[in-house]
Amino acid sequence: MGMFSIWHWLILLFVFALAASVVGLIVWLLVRASRAPRNPVATAQQRLQQLEQLKAQGLITDEEYAQQRAAVVTRL
């Protein structure tokens, strides 16, 4: 009775492999998240300034400017 059967060893091996897999997955996710490029989110003020610049340069029409400005304002 003091000896483990092969089934006990297989179950222990499975449990340890599962635990190691979970730890490995967590480490992989943390490393992946730290390497992800961080795109700064423009504030509403910055976005409105960009829109004004695009309009002043003639890259967008008055209608496009109004639509985009309305979209920015509604997100506030």
N, C-alpha and C. Protein backbone atom coordinates (compact mmCIF):
# COMPACT_ATOMS: atom_id res chain seq x y z
N MET A 1 0.81 -1.20 0.00
CA MET A 1 0.00 0.00 0.00
C MET A 1 0.85 1.26 0.00
N GLY A 2 2.09 1.16 0.40
CA GLY A 2 2.94 2.32 0.44
C GLY A 2 3.42 2.78 -0.92
N MET A 3 3.29 1.94 -1.91
CA MET A 3 3.76 2.27 -3.25
C MET A 3 2.63 2.89 -4.07
N PHE A 4 3.01 3.83 -4.90
CA PHE A 4 2.05 4.40 -5.84
C PHE A 4 1.94 3.48 -7.05
N SER A 5 0.75 3.36 -7.57
CA SER A 5 0.59 2.61 -8.80
C SER A 5 0.93 3.53 -9.97
N ILE A 6 0.98 2.97 -11.14
CA ILE A 6 1.29 3.76 -12.33
C ILE A 6 0.25 4.84 -12.55
N TRP A 7 -1.00 4.56 -12.20
CA TRP A 7 -2.08 5.54 -12.37
C TRP A 7 -1.87 6.75 -11.47
N HIS A 8 -1.41 6.51 -10.26
CA HIS A 8 -1.11 7.63 -9.35
C HIS A 8 -0.02 8.52 -9.94
N TRP A 9 1.02 7.90 -10.48
CA TRP A 9 2.12 8.66 -11.08
C TRP A 9 1.64 9.45 -12.30
N LEU A 10 0.79 8.83 -13.10
CA LEU A 10 0.26 9.53 -14.27
C LEU A 10 -0.61 10.72 -13.88
N ILE A 11 -1.43 10.53 -12.86
CA ILE A 11 -2.27 11.63 -12.39
C ILE A 11 -1.41 12.75 -11.84
N LEU A 12 -0.40 12.43 -11.05
CA LEU A 12 0.51 13.44 -10.52
C LEU A 12 1.24 14.16 -11.65
N LEU A 13 1.69 13.43 -12.63
CA LEU A 13 2.36 14.02 -13.78
C LEU A 13 1.43 14.98 -14.51
N PHE A 14 0.19 14.58 -14.70
CA PHE A 14 -0.80 15.42 -15.36
C PHE A 14 -1.05 16.70 -14.56
N VAL A 15 -1.20 16.58 -13.24
CA VAL A 15 -1.46 17.75 -12.40
C VAL A 15 -0.28 18.72 -12.45
N PHE A 16 0.93 18.21 -12.36
CA PHE A 16 2.11 19.08 -12.42
C PHE A 16 2.26 19.71 -13.80
N ALA A 17 1.97 18.96 -14.85
CA ALA A 17 2.05 19.51 -16.21
C ALA A 17 1.00 20.59 -16.41
N LEU A 18 -0.19 20.37 -15.86
CA LEU A 18 -1.25 21.37 -15.96
C LEU A 18 -0.85 22.64 -15.21
N ALA A 19 -0.31 22.50 -14.01
CA ALA A 19 0.12 23.66 -13.23
C ALA A 19 1.23 24.42 -13.96
N ALA A 20 2.19 23.69 -14.52
CA ALA A 20 3.28 24.33 -15.25
C ALA A 20 2.74 25.04 -16.49
N SER A 21 1.76 24.46 -17.14
CA SER A 21 1.16 25.10 -18.32
C SER A 21 0.45 26.39 -17.96
N VAL A 22 -0.26 26.39 -16.85
CA VAL A 22 -0.96 27.60 -16.42
C VAL A 22 0.05 28.70 -16.09
N VAL A 23 1.10 28.36 -15.36
CA VAL A 23 2.13 29.34 -15.03
C VAL A 23 2.80 29.85 -16.31
N GLY A 24 3.11 28.96 -17.23
CA GLY A 24 3.72 29.37 -18.49
C GLY A 24 2.81 30.28 -19.29
N LEU A 25 1.52 29.99 -19.31
CA LEU A 25 0.57 30.83 -20.02
C LEU A 25 0.50 32.22 -19.41
N ILE A 26 0.49 32.30 -18.10
CA ILE A 26 0.44 33.60 -17.42
C ILE A 26 1.69 34.40 -17.73
N VAL A 27 2.84 33.77 -17.67
CA VAL A 27 4.09 34.47 -17.98
C VAL A 27 4.08 34.95 -19.43
N TRP A 28 3.64 34.10 -20.34
CA TRP A 28 3.59 34.46 -21.76
C TRP A 28 2.67 35.65 -21.99
N LEU A 29 1.50 35.65 -21.34
CA LEU A 29 0.57 36.76 -21.49
C LEU A 29 1.14 38.06 -20.93
N LEU A 30 1.82 37.98 -19.80
CA LEU A 30 2.43 39.17 -19.22
C LEU A 30 3.53 39.74 -20.11
N VAL A 31 4.36 38.87 -20.65
CA VAL A 31 5.43 39.33 -21.55
C VAL A 31 4.83 39.93 -22.81
N ARG A 32 3.82 39.29 -23.34
CA ARG A 32 3.17 39.78 -24.56
C ARG A 32 2.52 41.14 -24.32
N ALA A 33 1.90 41.30 -23.17
CA ALA A 33 1.24 42.57 -22.86
C ALA A 33 2.27 43.69 -22.67
N SER A 34 3.42 43.36 -22.11
CA SER A 34 4.43 44.40 -21.88
C SER A 34 5.10 44.81 -23.19
N ARG A 35 5.09 43.94 -24.20
CA ARG A 35 5.71 44.26 -25.48
C ARG A 35 4.74 44.94 -26.44
N ALA A 36 3.48 44.94 -26.13
CA ALA A 36 2.48 45.51 -27.04
C ALA A 36 2.71 47.00 -27.17
N PRO A 37 2.68 47.50 -28.39
CA PRO A 37 2.86 48.95 -28.58
C PRO A 37 1.71 49.71 -27.96
N ARG A 38 2.06 50.75 -27.30
CA ARG A 38 1.05 51.56 -26.64
C ARG A 38 0.76 52.77 -27.51
N ASN A 39 -0.44 52.84 -28.01
CA ASN A 39 -0.86 53.99 -28.81
C ASN A 39 -1.56 54.97 -27.88
N PRO A 40 -0.98 56.14 -27.73
CA PRO A 40 -1.64 57.10 -26.85
C PRO A 40 -2.97 57.54 -27.45
N VAL A 41 -3.95 57.59 -26.61
CA VAL A 41 -5.28 58.02 -27.04
C VAL A 41 -5.31 59.54 -27.00
N ALA A 42 -5.66 60.12 -28.12
CA ALA A 42 -5.71 61.57 -28.20
C ALA A 42 -6.89 62.08 -27.38
N THR A 43 -6.65 63.15 -26.67
CA THR A 43 -7.74 63.77 -25.92
C THR A 43 -8.66 64.47 -26.91
N ALA A 44 -9.82 64.83 -26.43
CA ALA A 44 -10.79 65.51 -27.30
C ALA A 44 -10.20 66.82 -27.81
N GLN A 45 -9.49 67.52 -26.94
CA GLN A 45 -8.89 68.80 -27.35
C GLN A 45 -7.86 68.57 -28.46
N GLN A 46 -7.03 67.55 -28.31
CA GLN A 46 -6.02 67.25 -29.32
C GLN A 46 -6.68 66.86 -30.64
N ARG A 47 -7.72 66.05 -30.55
CA ARG A 47 -8.42 65.62 -31.77
C ARG A 47 -9.06 66.80 -32.48
N LEU A 48 -9.65 67.72 -31.71
CA LEU A 48 -10.25 68.91 -32.32
C LEU A 48 -9.19 69.78 -32.98
N GLN A 49 -8.02 69.90 -32.35
CA GLN A 49 -6.93 70.67 -32.94
C GLN A 49 -6.46 70.02 -34.25
N GLN A 50 -6.38 68.70 -34.26
CA GLN A 50 -5.99 68.00 -35.48
C GLN A 50 -7.00 68.26 -36.59
N LEU A 51 -8.27 68.21 -36.23
CA LEU A 51 -9.31 68.46 -37.23
C LEU A 51 -9.21 69.88 -37.79
N GLU A 52 -8.95 70.85 -36.91
CA GLU A 52 -8.81 72.23 -37.36
C GLU A 52 -7.62 72.38 -38.30
N GLN A 53 -6.52 71.70 -37.99
CA GLN A 53 -5.35 71.76 -38.86
C GLN A 53 -5.64 71.14 -40.23
N LEU A 54 -6.32 70.00 -40.22
CA LEU A 54 -6.67 69.36 -41.48
C LEU A 54 -7.57 70.24 -42.32
N LYS A 55 -8.51 70.91 -41.66
CA LYS A 55 -9.42 71.81 -42.37
C LYS A 55 -8.65 73.01 -42.92
N ALA A 56 -7.75 73.58 -42.10
CA ALA A 56 -6.97 74.74 -42.53
C ALA A 56 -6.06 74.40 -43.71
N GLN A 57 -5.57 73.18 -43.74
CA GLN A 57 -4.70 72.75 -44.84
C GLN A 57 -5.50 72.34 -46.07
N GLY A 58 -6.79 72.29 -45.93
CA GLY A 58 -7.64 71.91 -47.06
C GLY A 58 -7.69 70.42 -47.32
N LEU A 59 -7.30 69.64 -46.32
CA LEU A 59 -7.29 68.19 -46.49
C LEU A 59 -8.66 67.57 -46.25
N ILE A 60 -9.52 68.28 -45.52
CA ILE A 60 -10.89 67.82 -45.33
C ILE A 60 -11.84 68.97 -45.64
N THR A 61 -13.03 68.63 -46.03
CA THR A 61 -14.02 69.65 -46.37
C THR A 61 -14.70 70.16 -45.10
N ASP A 62 -15.46 71.25 -45.26
CA ASP A 62 -16.20 71.78 -44.12
C ASP A 62 -17.19 70.75 -43.59
N GLU A 63 -17.79 70.02 -44.50
CA GLU A 63 -18.77 69.00 -44.10
C GLU A 63 -18.10 67.87 -43.31
N GLU A 64 -16.93 67.41 -43.79
CA GLU A 64 -16.19 66.37 -43.07
C GLU A 64 -15.75 66.87 -41.70
N TYR A 65 -15.31 68.13 -41.67
CA TYR A 65 -14.90 68.73 -40.40
C TYR A 65 -16.07 68.73 -39.42
N ALA A 66 -17.23 69.16 -39.88
CA ALA A 66 -18.40 69.23 -39.01
C ALA A 66 -18.80 67.84 -38.50
N GLN A 67 -18.74 66.86 -39.38
CA GLN A 67 -19.10 65.49 -38.97
C GLN A 67 -18.13 64.96 -37.92
N GLN A 68 -16.84 65.12 -38.18
CA GLN A 68 -15.84 64.62 -37.25
C GLN A 68 -15.87 65.37 -35.92
N ARG A 69 -16.09 66.67 -35.99
CA ARG A 69 -16.18 67.47 -34.77
C ARG A 69 -17.37 67.03 -33.94
N ALA A 70 -18.49 66.79 -34.59
CA ALA A 70 -19.69 66.33 -33.88
C ALA A 70 -19.43 64.97 -33.23
N ALA A 71 -18.70 64.10 -33.92
CA ALA A 71 -18.39 62.79 -33.35
C ALA A 71 -17.51 62.92 -32.11
N VAL A 72 -16.54 63.83 -32.17
CA VAL A 72 -15.66 64.03 -31.01
C VAL A 72 -16.45 64.60 -29.84
N VAL A 73 -17.30 65.56 -30.12
CA VAL A 73 -18.07 66.21 -29.05
C VAL A 73 -19.05 65.23 -28.41
N THR A 74 -19.65 64.36 -29.19
CA THR A 74 -20.61 63.41 -28.61
C THR A 74 -19.94 62.39 -27.71
N ARG A 75 -18.64 62.15 -27.89
CA ARG A 75 -17.91 61.20 -27.03
C ARG A 75 -17.54 61.80 -25.68
N LEU A 76 -17.73 63.09 -25.52
CA LEU A 76 -17.37 63.74 -24.25
C LEU A 76 -18.30 63.36 -23.14
